[in-house]
């Protein structure tokens, strides 16, 4: 009974708990997508992919809650938007820097960010959250993803 006095009711307790764990998850994502400007593109993208892939099951539980909220209550997109905004912002900043350095083609950094977001984050979600992973070993799967990302799908 005492704990509910601090939060007024059970709903407030749940919301505060959700906010707390969401903030921790977002901090982890900021760390995964952090860059200091010295990384090359391949190193950064592979590191981000592995960082997301190695998030804990409890981290993915937060993501599941966010995705369920949007599905159940469409006007509650805030959790999911916060998560995607952090990732897209970091990726866009990274590609702006790479564009300034001349290490990527002259393509809109936001478009590059969205494309990499879908490859890095959404492929991991399919694998970990929805258990829609192909019957491939992780190394084989990630090597093929990076081959497509860095070399395209067209024959040489």
N, C-alpha and C. Protein backbone atom coordinates (compact mmCIF):
# COMPACT_ATOMS: atom_id res chain seq x y z
N UNK A 1 0.83 -1.19 0.00
CA UNK A 1 0.00 0.00 0.00
C UNK A 1 0.87 1.25 0.00
N UNK A 2 1.98 1.24 0.70
CA UNK A 2 2.84 2.42 0.82
C UNK A 2 3.38 2.88 -0.53
N UNK A 3 3.77 1.95 -1.36
CA UNK A 3 4.35 2.32 -2.66
C UNK A 3 3.34 3.08 -3.53
N UNK A 4 2.06 2.75 -3.42
CA UNK A 4 1.05 3.42 -4.23
C UNK A 4 0.82 4.86 -3.77
N UNK A 5 1.13 5.17 -2.53
CA UNK A 5 0.98 6.55 -2.05
C UNK A 5 1.90 7.48 -2.83
N UNK A 6 3.10 7.00 -3.11
CA UNK A 6 4.07 7.82 -3.84
C UNK A 6 3.61 8.05 -5.28
N UNK A 7 2.96 7.08 -5.88
CA UNK A 7 2.56 7.17 -7.28
C UNK A 7 1.07 7.44 -7.47
N UNK A 8 0.33 7.57 -6.40
CA UNK A 8 -1.11 7.82 -6.39
C UNK A 8 -1.94 6.61 -6.79
N UNK A 9 -1.52 5.90 -7.83
CA UNK A 9 -2.29 4.72 -8.24
C UNK A 9 -1.40 3.78 -9.05
N UNK A 10 -1.94 2.63 -9.34
CA UNK A 10 -1.20 1.59 -10.05
C UNK A 10 -0.81 2.04 -11.47
N UNK A 11 -1.69 2.76 -12.12
CA UNK A 11 -1.42 3.24 -13.49
C UNK A 11 -0.20 4.17 -13.50
N UNK A 12 -0.12 5.07 -12.54
CA UNK A 12 1.04 5.97 -12.46
C UNK A 12 2.32 5.20 -12.19
N UNK A 13 2.25 4.18 -11.36
CA UNK A 13 3.41 3.35 -11.08
C UNK A 13 3.89 2.67 -12.36
N UNK A 14 2.97 2.13 -13.12
CA UNK A 14 3.32 1.46 -14.38
C UNK A 14 3.94 2.46 -15.35
N UNK A 15 3.35 3.64 -15.47
CA UNK A 15 3.87 4.66 -16.40
C UNK A 15 5.27 5.11 -15.99
N UNK A 16 5.49 5.34 -14.71
CA UNK A 16 6.82 5.76 -14.22
C UNK A 16 7.85 4.66 -14.45
N UNK A 17 7.46 3.43 -14.21
CA UNK A 17 8.37 2.30 -14.44
C UNK A 17 8.72 2.20 -15.91
N UNK A 18 7.73 2.32 -16.75
CA UNK A 18 7.94 2.25 -18.20
C UNK A 18 8.87 3.39 -18.65
N UNK A 19 8.64 4.59 -18.16
CA UNK A 19 9.50 5.73 -18.50
C UNK A 19 10.94 5.50 -18.06
N UNK A 20 11.10 4.97 -16.87
CA UNK A 20 12.44 4.71 -16.34
C UNK A 20 13.20 3.73 -17.24
N UNK A 21 12.57 2.63 -17.58
CA UNK A 21 13.25 1.62 -18.41
C UNK A 21 13.41 2.10 -19.85
N UNK A 22 12.49 2.90 -20.33
CA UNK A 22 12.64 3.48 -21.67
C UNK A 22 13.86 4.39 -21.71
N UNK A 23 14.03 5.21 -20.70
CA UNK A 23 15.20 6.10 -20.65
C UNK A 23 16.50 5.32 -20.60
N UNK A 24 16.51 4.23 -19.85
CA UNK A 24 17.71 3.39 -19.81
C UNK A 24 17.99 2.78 -21.18
N UNK A 25 16.94 2.32 -21.86
CA UNK A 25 17.08 1.72 -23.19
C UNK A 25 17.59 2.76 -24.19
N UNK A 26 17.04 3.95 -24.14
CA UNK A 26 17.48 5.01 -25.05
C UNK A 26 18.94 5.37 -24.79
N UNK A 27 19.36 5.40 -23.54
CA UNK A 27 20.77 5.65 -23.23
C UNK A 27 21.66 4.56 -23.83
N UNK A 28 21.22 3.31 -23.77
CA UNK A 28 21.99 2.22 -24.38
C UNK A 28 22.09 2.42 -25.89
N UNK A 29 20.97 2.80 -26.51
CA UNK A 29 20.98 3.04 -27.96
C UNK A 29 21.92 4.19 -28.32
N UNK A 30 21.90 5.25 -27.53
CA UNK A 30 22.82 6.37 -27.78
C UNK A 30 24.27 5.88 -27.72
N UNK A 31 24.55 5.01 -26.77
CA UNK A 31 25.90 4.45 -26.67
C UNK A 31 26.25 3.59 -27.86
N UNK A 32 25.32 2.78 -28.31
CA UNK A 32 25.57 1.90 -29.46
C UNK A 32 25.82 2.71 -30.72
N UNK A 33 25.06 3.78 -30.92
CA UNK A 33 25.16 4.57 -32.14
C UNK A 33 26.08 5.78 -31.99
N UNK A 34 26.81 5.85 -30.88
CA UNK A 34 27.76 6.94 -30.67
C UNK A 34 28.90 6.81 -31.67
N UNK A 35 29.43 7.93 -32.10
CA UNK A 35 30.62 7.92 -32.94
C UNK A 35 31.46 9.14 -32.59
N UNK A 36 32.78 9.00 -32.76
CA UNK A 36 33.66 10.12 -32.46
C UNK A 36 34.23 10.76 -33.71
N UNK A 37 33.86 10.23 -34.88
CA UNK A 37 34.30 10.82 -36.14
C UNK A 37 35.47 10.11 -36.78
N UNK A 38 36.12 9.23 -36.04
CA UNK A 38 37.28 8.52 -36.58
C UNK A 38 36.92 7.18 -37.21
N UNK A 39 35.72 6.68 -36.94
CA UNK A 39 35.32 5.37 -37.44
C UNK A 39 35.09 5.44 -38.95
N UNK A 40 35.45 4.35 -39.63
CA UNK A 40 35.05 4.29 -41.04
C UNK A 40 33.63 3.74 -41.09
N UNK A 41 33.02 3.85 -42.24
CA UNK A 41 31.60 3.50 -42.39
C UNK A 41 31.35 2.05 -42.04
N UNK A 42 32.14 1.16 -42.59
CA UNK A 42 31.94 -0.27 -42.36
C UNK A 42 32.07 -0.61 -40.88
N UNK A 43 33.09 -0.06 -40.24
CA UNK A 43 33.31 -0.30 -38.81
C UNK A 43 32.11 0.18 -37.98
N UNK A 44 31.62 1.37 -38.30
CA UNK A 44 30.51 1.95 -37.55
C UNK A 44 29.22 1.14 -37.73
N UNK A 45 28.89 0.82 -38.97
CA UNK A 45 27.65 0.09 -39.25
C UNK A 45 27.69 -1.31 -38.63
N UNK A 46 28.81 -2.00 -38.79
CA UNK A 46 28.93 -3.34 -38.20
C UNK A 46 28.87 -3.27 -36.68
N UNK A 47 29.53 -2.28 -36.10
CA UNK A 47 29.50 -2.12 -34.64
C UNK A 47 28.10 -1.83 -34.13
N UNK A 48 27.36 -0.99 -34.85
CA UNK A 48 25.98 -0.68 -34.46
C UNK A 48 25.10 -1.91 -34.57
N UNK A 49 25.25 -2.66 -35.65
CA UNK A 49 24.46 -3.88 -35.85
C UNK A 49 24.72 -4.86 -34.71
N UNK A 50 25.99 -5.09 -34.40
CA UNK A 50 26.32 -6.03 -33.33
C UNK A 50 25.86 -5.50 -31.98
N UNK A 51 25.95 -4.19 -31.78
CA UNK A 51 25.48 -3.59 -30.53
C UNK A 51 23.99 -3.81 -30.33
N UNK A 52 23.21 -3.60 -31.37
CA UNK A 52 21.76 -3.82 -31.29
C UNK A 52 21.48 -5.30 -31.10
N UNK A 53 22.19 -6.13 -31.83
CA UNK A 53 21.99 -7.57 -31.74
C UNK A 53 22.29 -8.09 -30.33
N UNK A 54 23.24 -7.47 -29.66
CA UNK A 54 23.65 -7.93 -28.33
C UNK A 54 22.88 -7.26 -27.19
N UNK A 55 21.87 -6.47 -27.50
CA UNK A 55 21.03 -5.93 -26.43
C UNK A 55 20.38 -7.08 -25.69
N UNK A 56 20.11 -6.87 -24.43
CA UNK A 56 19.55 -7.94 -23.60
C UNK A 56 18.08 -8.20 -23.93
N UNK A 57 17.61 -9.33 -23.48
CA UNK A 57 16.19 -9.66 -23.65
C UNK A 57 15.30 -8.64 -22.95
N UNK A 58 15.76 -8.11 -21.81
CA UNK A 58 14.95 -7.10 -21.12
C UNK A 58 14.87 -5.82 -21.93
N UNK A 59 15.96 -5.48 -22.65
CA UNK A 59 15.90 -4.32 -23.54
C UNK A 59 14.87 -4.54 -24.64
N UNK A 60 14.87 -5.73 -25.20
CA UNK A 60 13.91 -6.02 -26.26
C UNK A 60 12.49 -6.09 -25.71
N UNK A 61 12.34 -6.39 -24.42
CA UNK A 61 11.02 -6.35 -23.79
C UNK A 61 10.46 -4.94 -23.80
N UNK A 62 11.32 -3.96 -23.58
CA UNK A 62 10.89 -2.56 -23.62
C UNK A 62 10.42 -2.22 -25.03
N UNK A 63 11.15 -2.69 -26.00
CA UNK A 63 10.77 -2.46 -27.39
C UNK A 63 9.43 -3.13 -27.71
N UNK A 64 9.24 -4.32 -27.19
CA UNK A 64 7.96 -5.02 -27.41
C UNK A 64 6.80 -4.22 -26.80
N UNK A 65 7.02 -3.68 -25.60
CA UNK A 65 5.98 -2.87 -24.96
C UNK A 65 5.65 -1.66 -25.83
N UNK A 66 6.68 -1.01 -26.35
CA UNK A 66 6.47 0.16 -27.20
C UNK A 66 5.69 -0.21 -28.46
N UNK A 67 6.04 -1.33 -29.07
CA UNK A 67 5.35 -1.75 -30.29
C UNK A 67 3.91 -2.18 -30.00
N UNK A 68 3.69 -2.81 -28.87
CA UNK A 68 2.33 -3.21 -28.49
C UNK A 68 1.47 -2.00 -28.20
N UNK A 69 2.06 -0.98 -27.56
CA UNK A 69 1.30 0.23 -27.26
C UNK A 69 0.78 0.87 -28.54
N UNK A 70 1.62 0.93 -29.55
CA UNK A 70 1.21 1.54 -30.82
C UNK A 70 0.10 0.71 -31.46
N UNK A 71 0.22 -0.59 -31.36
CA UNK A 71 -0.79 -1.47 -31.95
C UNK A 71 -2.12 -1.37 -31.21
N UNK A 72 -2.05 -1.34 -29.89
CA UNK A 72 -3.27 -1.31 -29.08
C UNK A 72 -3.88 0.09 -29.01
N UNK A 73 -3.01 1.09 -28.89
CA UNK A 73 -3.48 2.47 -28.73
C UNK A 73 -2.69 3.33 -29.73
N UNK A 74 -3.16 3.46 -30.97
CA UNK A 74 -2.39 4.14 -32.01
C UNK A 74 -1.92 5.55 -31.64
N UNK A 75 -2.68 6.24 -30.81
CA UNK A 75 -2.24 7.59 -30.42
C UNK A 75 -1.06 7.56 -29.44
N UNK A 76 -0.69 6.39 -28.97
CA UNK A 76 0.44 6.26 -28.04
C UNK A 76 1.72 5.88 -28.78
N UNK A 77 2.05 6.60 -29.81
CA UNK A 77 3.23 6.30 -30.62
C UNK A 77 4.50 6.84 -29.98
N UNK A 78 4.36 7.58 -28.90
CA UNK A 78 5.48 8.29 -28.32
C UNK A 78 6.67 7.40 -27.99
N UNK A 79 6.45 6.26 -27.36
CA UNK A 79 7.57 5.38 -26.99
C UNK A 79 8.36 4.95 -28.21
N UNK A 80 7.67 4.48 -29.21
CA UNK A 80 8.33 4.00 -30.41
C UNK A 80 9.02 5.13 -31.15
N UNK A 81 8.39 6.29 -31.20
CA UNK A 81 8.99 7.45 -31.86
C UNK A 81 10.27 7.86 -31.15
N UNK A 82 10.28 7.86 -29.83
CA UNK A 82 11.49 8.21 -29.09
C UNK A 82 12.64 7.27 -29.44
N UNK A 83 12.35 5.99 -29.53
CA UNK A 83 13.38 5.00 -29.83
C UNK A 83 13.91 5.21 -31.24
N UNK A 84 13.02 5.32 -32.21
CA UNK A 84 13.48 5.47 -33.60
C UNK A 84 14.17 6.81 -33.82
N UNK A 85 13.69 7.87 -33.17
CA UNK A 85 14.32 9.18 -33.34
C UNK A 85 15.77 9.19 -32.88
N UNK A 86 16.05 8.53 -31.77
CA UNK A 86 17.43 8.47 -31.27
C UNK A 86 18.34 7.81 -32.29
N UNK A 87 17.90 6.71 -32.83
CA UNK A 87 18.72 5.97 -33.80
C UNK A 87 18.88 6.77 -35.09
N UNK A 88 17.78 7.27 -35.62
CA UNK A 88 17.84 8.01 -36.88
C UNK A 88 18.68 9.28 -36.75
N UNK A 89 18.58 9.97 -35.63
CA UNK A 89 19.36 11.18 -35.41
C UNK A 89 20.86 10.87 -35.42
N UNK A 90 21.25 9.82 -34.71
CA UNK A 90 22.67 9.44 -34.66
C UNK A 90 23.17 9.03 -36.04
N UNK A 91 22.39 8.21 -36.74
CA UNK A 91 22.80 7.77 -38.08
C UNK A 91 22.89 8.95 -39.04
N UNK A 92 21.92 9.85 -38.99
CA UNK A 92 21.96 11.01 -39.88
C UNK A 92 23.18 11.88 -39.60
N UNK A 93 23.48 12.12 -38.33
CA UNK A 93 24.68 12.90 -37.98
C UNK A 93 25.94 12.21 -38.49
N UNK A 94 26.00 10.89 -38.35
CA UNK A 94 27.16 10.14 -38.83
C UNK A 94 27.31 10.31 -40.34
N UNK A 95 26.22 10.18 -41.08
CA UNK A 95 26.31 10.29 -42.54
C UNK A 95 26.55 11.72 -43.00
N UNK A 96 26.09 12.71 -42.25
CA UNK A 96 26.44 14.11 -42.57
C UNK A 96 27.95 14.29 -42.49
N UNK A 97 28.54 13.76 -41.43
CA UNK A 97 29.99 13.86 -41.27
C UNK A 97 30.71 13.11 -42.39
N UNK A 98 30.24 11.93 -42.72
CA UNK A 98 30.87 11.15 -43.79
C UNK A 98 30.75 11.88 -45.13
N UNK A 99 29.63 12.53 -45.34
CA UNK A 99 29.43 13.29 -46.58
C UNK A 99 30.41 14.46 -46.64
N UNK A 100 30.59 15.16 -45.51
CA UNK A 100 31.55 16.27 -45.44
C UNK A 100 32.97 15.78 -45.70
N UNK A 101 33.28 14.59 -45.20
CA UNK A 101 34.62 14.02 -45.39
C UNK A 101 34.81 13.45 -46.80
N UNK A 102 33.72 13.30 -47.54
CA UNK A 102 33.80 12.76 -48.89
C UNK A 102 33.91 11.24 -48.95
N UNK A 103 33.52 10.56 -47.88
CA UNK A 103 33.64 9.10 -47.84
C UNK A 103 32.36 8.38 -48.28
N UNK A 104 31.29 9.15 -48.55
CA UNK A 104 30.06 8.59 -49.10
C UNK A 104 29.65 9.43 -50.31
N UNK A 105 28.83 8.83 -51.14
CA UNK A 105 28.31 9.56 -52.30
C UNK A 105 27.44 10.72 -51.84
N UNK A 106 27.16 11.62 -52.76
CA UNK A 106 26.35 12.80 -52.45
C UNK A 106 24.87 12.41 -52.43
N UNK A 107 24.49 11.77 -51.34
CA UNK A 107 23.11 11.32 -51.12
C UNK A 107 22.64 11.98 -49.83
N UNK A 108 21.37 12.26 -49.76
CA UNK A 108 20.79 12.87 -48.57
C UNK A 108 21.11 12.01 -47.34
N UNK A 109 21.77 12.58 -46.32
CA UNK A 109 22.12 11.82 -45.11
C UNK A 109 20.91 11.21 -44.40
N UNK A 110 19.78 11.90 -44.48
CA UNK A 110 18.57 11.37 -43.83
C UNK A 110 18.11 10.08 -44.53
N UNK A 111 18.21 10.05 -45.86
CA UNK A 111 17.84 8.85 -46.62
C UNK A 111 18.79 7.71 -46.28
N UNK A 112 20.09 8.01 -46.20
CA UNK A 112 21.06 6.98 -45.81
C UNK A 112 20.76 6.46 -44.41
N UNK A 113 20.38 7.38 -43.51
CA UNK A 113 20.07 6.98 -42.14
C UNK A 113 18.87 6.04 -42.09
N UNK A 114 17.82 6.36 -42.83
CA UNK A 114 16.62 5.52 -42.85
C UNK A 114 16.95 4.14 -43.42
N UNK A 115 17.74 4.11 -44.50
CA UNK A 115 18.10 2.84 -45.12
C UNK A 115 18.92 1.98 -44.14
N UNK A 116 19.89 2.57 -43.49
CA UNK A 116 20.70 1.81 -42.53
C UNK A 116 19.89 1.42 -41.31
N UNK A 117 18.98 2.29 -40.88
CA UNK A 117 18.10 1.95 -39.77
C UNK A 117 17.33 0.67 -40.08
N UNK A 118 16.79 0.61 -41.29
CA UNK A 118 16.00 -0.57 -41.63
C UNK A 118 16.86 -1.82 -41.68
N UNK A 119 18.07 -1.69 -42.17
CA UNK A 119 18.95 -2.85 -42.24
C UNK A 119 19.45 -3.25 -40.85
N UNK A 120 19.91 -2.29 -40.09
CA UNK A 120 20.49 -2.60 -38.78
C UNK A 120 19.41 -2.98 -37.78
N UNK A 121 18.47 -2.08 -37.57
CA UNK A 121 17.54 -2.23 -36.47
C UNK A 121 16.40 -3.18 -36.80
N UNK A 122 15.79 -3.00 -37.95
CA UNK A 122 14.63 -3.83 -38.26
C UNK A 122 14.99 -5.28 -38.51
N UNK A 123 16.16 -5.54 -39.07
CA UNK A 123 16.54 -6.95 -39.26
C UNK A 123 16.78 -7.63 -37.92
N UNK A 124 17.31 -6.89 -36.96
CA UNK A 124 17.51 -7.45 -35.63
C UNK A 124 16.16 -7.66 -34.94
N UNK A 125 15.23 -6.73 -35.13
CA UNK A 125 13.90 -6.89 -34.54
C UNK A 125 13.23 -8.15 -35.08
N UNK A 126 13.32 -8.35 -36.38
CA UNK A 126 12.74 -9.57 -36.96
C UNK A 126 13.37 -10.81 -36.34
N UNK A 127 14.64 -10.74 -36.10
CA UNK A 127 15.38 -11.89 -35.57
C UNK A 127 15.09 -12.12 -34.09
N UNK A 128 15.09 -11.04 -33.29
CA UNK A 128 15.01 -11.20 -31.84
C UNK A 128 13.60 -11.03 -31.27
N UNK A 129 12.84 -10.08 -31.77
CA UNK A 129 11.53 -9.81 -31.20
C UNK A 129 10.48 -10.76 -31.76
N UNK A 130 10.48 -10.90 -33.07
CA UNK A 130 9.47 -11.73 -33.71
C UNK A 130 9.94 -13.15 -33.98
N UNK A 131 11.17 -13.44 -33.66
CA UNK A 131 11.75 -14.77 -33.88
C UNK A 131 11.58 -15.22 -35.33
N UNK A 132 11.72 -14.28 -36.25
CA UNK A 132 11.62 -14.59 -37.67
C UNK A 132 13.01 -14.68 -38.29
N UNK A 133 13.88 -15.39 -37.61
CA UNK A 133 15.24 -15.48 -38.13
C UNK A 133 15.33 -16.66 -39.09
N UNK A 134 16.02 -16.43 -40.18
CA UNK A 134 16.23 -17.57 -41.08
C UNK A 134 17.08 -18.62 -40.39
N UNK A 135 17.11 -19.78 -40.96
CA UNK A 135 17.90 -20.86 -40.37
C UNK A 135 19.37 -20.70 -40.70
N UNK A 136 19.88 -19.51 -40.53
CA UNK A 136 21.28 -19.22 -40.82
C UNK A 136 22.01 -18.96 -39.52
N UNK A 137 23.28 -19.30 -39.53
CA UNK A 137 24.13 -18.89 -38.42
C UNK A 137 24.23 -17.37 -38.44
N UNK A 138 24.41 -16.78 -37.29
CA UNK A 138 24.46 -15.33 -37.20
C UNK A 138 25.56 -14.73 -38.07
N UNK A 139 26.74 -15.34 -38.09
CA UNK A 139 27.84 -14.81 -38.90
C UNK A 139 27.48 -14.80 -40.37
N UNK A 140 26.89 -15.88 -40.84
CA UNK A 140 26.48 -15.97 -42.25
C UNK A 140 25.44 -14.90 -42.56
N UNK A 141 24.47 -14.77 -41.68
CA UNK A 141 23.39 -13.79 -41.84
C UNK A 141 23.96 -12.37 -41.88
N UNK A 142 24.78 -12.01 -40.91
CA UNK A 142 25.31 -10.65 -40.85
C UNK A 142 26.28 -10.39 -42.00
N UNK A 143 27.10 -11.36 -42.38
CA UNK A 143 28.01 -11.18 -43.52
C UNK A 143 27.22 -10.87 -44.79
N UNK A 144 26.12 -11.55 -45.00
CA UNK A 144 25.30 -11.31 -46.18
C UNK A 144 24.60 -9.95 -46.13
N UNK A 145 24.14 -9.57 -44.96
CA UNK A 145 23.52 -8.24 -44.81
C UNK A 145 24.54 -7.16 -45.17
N UNK A 146 25.76 -7.29 -44.62
CA UNK A 146 26.78 -6.27 -44.89
C UNK A 146 27.24 -6.30 -46.34
N UNK A 147 27.29 -7.47 -46.95
CA UNK A 147 27.66 -7.57 -48.36
C UNK A 147 26.64 -6.82 -49.21
N UNK A 148 25.38 -7.01 -48.93
CA UNK A 148 24.34 -6.30 -49.67
C UNK A 148 24.43 -4.80 -49.41
N UNK A 149 24.62 -4.41 -48.16
CA UNK A 149 24.70 -3.00 -47.81
C UNK A 149 25.88 -2.31 -48.50
N UNK A 150 27.04 -2.92 -48.45
CA UNK A 150 28.25 -2.26 -48.95
C UNK A 150 28.50 -2.50 -50.44
N UNK A 151 27.94 -3.57 -51.00
CA UNK A 151 28.21 -3.89 -52.40
C UNK A 151 26.97 -3.92 -53.29
N UNK A 152 25.79 -3.78 -52.70
CA UNK A 152 24.56 -3.76 -53.48
C UNK A 152 24.09 -5.15 -53.85
N UNK A 153 23.05 -5.19 -54.67
CA UNK A 153 22.49 -6.47 -55.08
C UNK A 153 22.71 -6.74 -56.57
N UNK A 154 23.22 -5.76 -57.27
CA UNK A 154 23.45 -5.92 -58.71
C UNK A 154 24.76 -6.69 -58.94
N UNK A 155 24.80 -7.51 -60.00
CA UNK A 155 26.05 -8.23 -60.29
C UNK A 155 27.15 -7.24 -60.69
N UNK A 156 28.36 -7.63 -60.45
CA UNK A 156 29.49 -6.73 -60.75
C UNK A 156 29.76 -6.63 -62.22
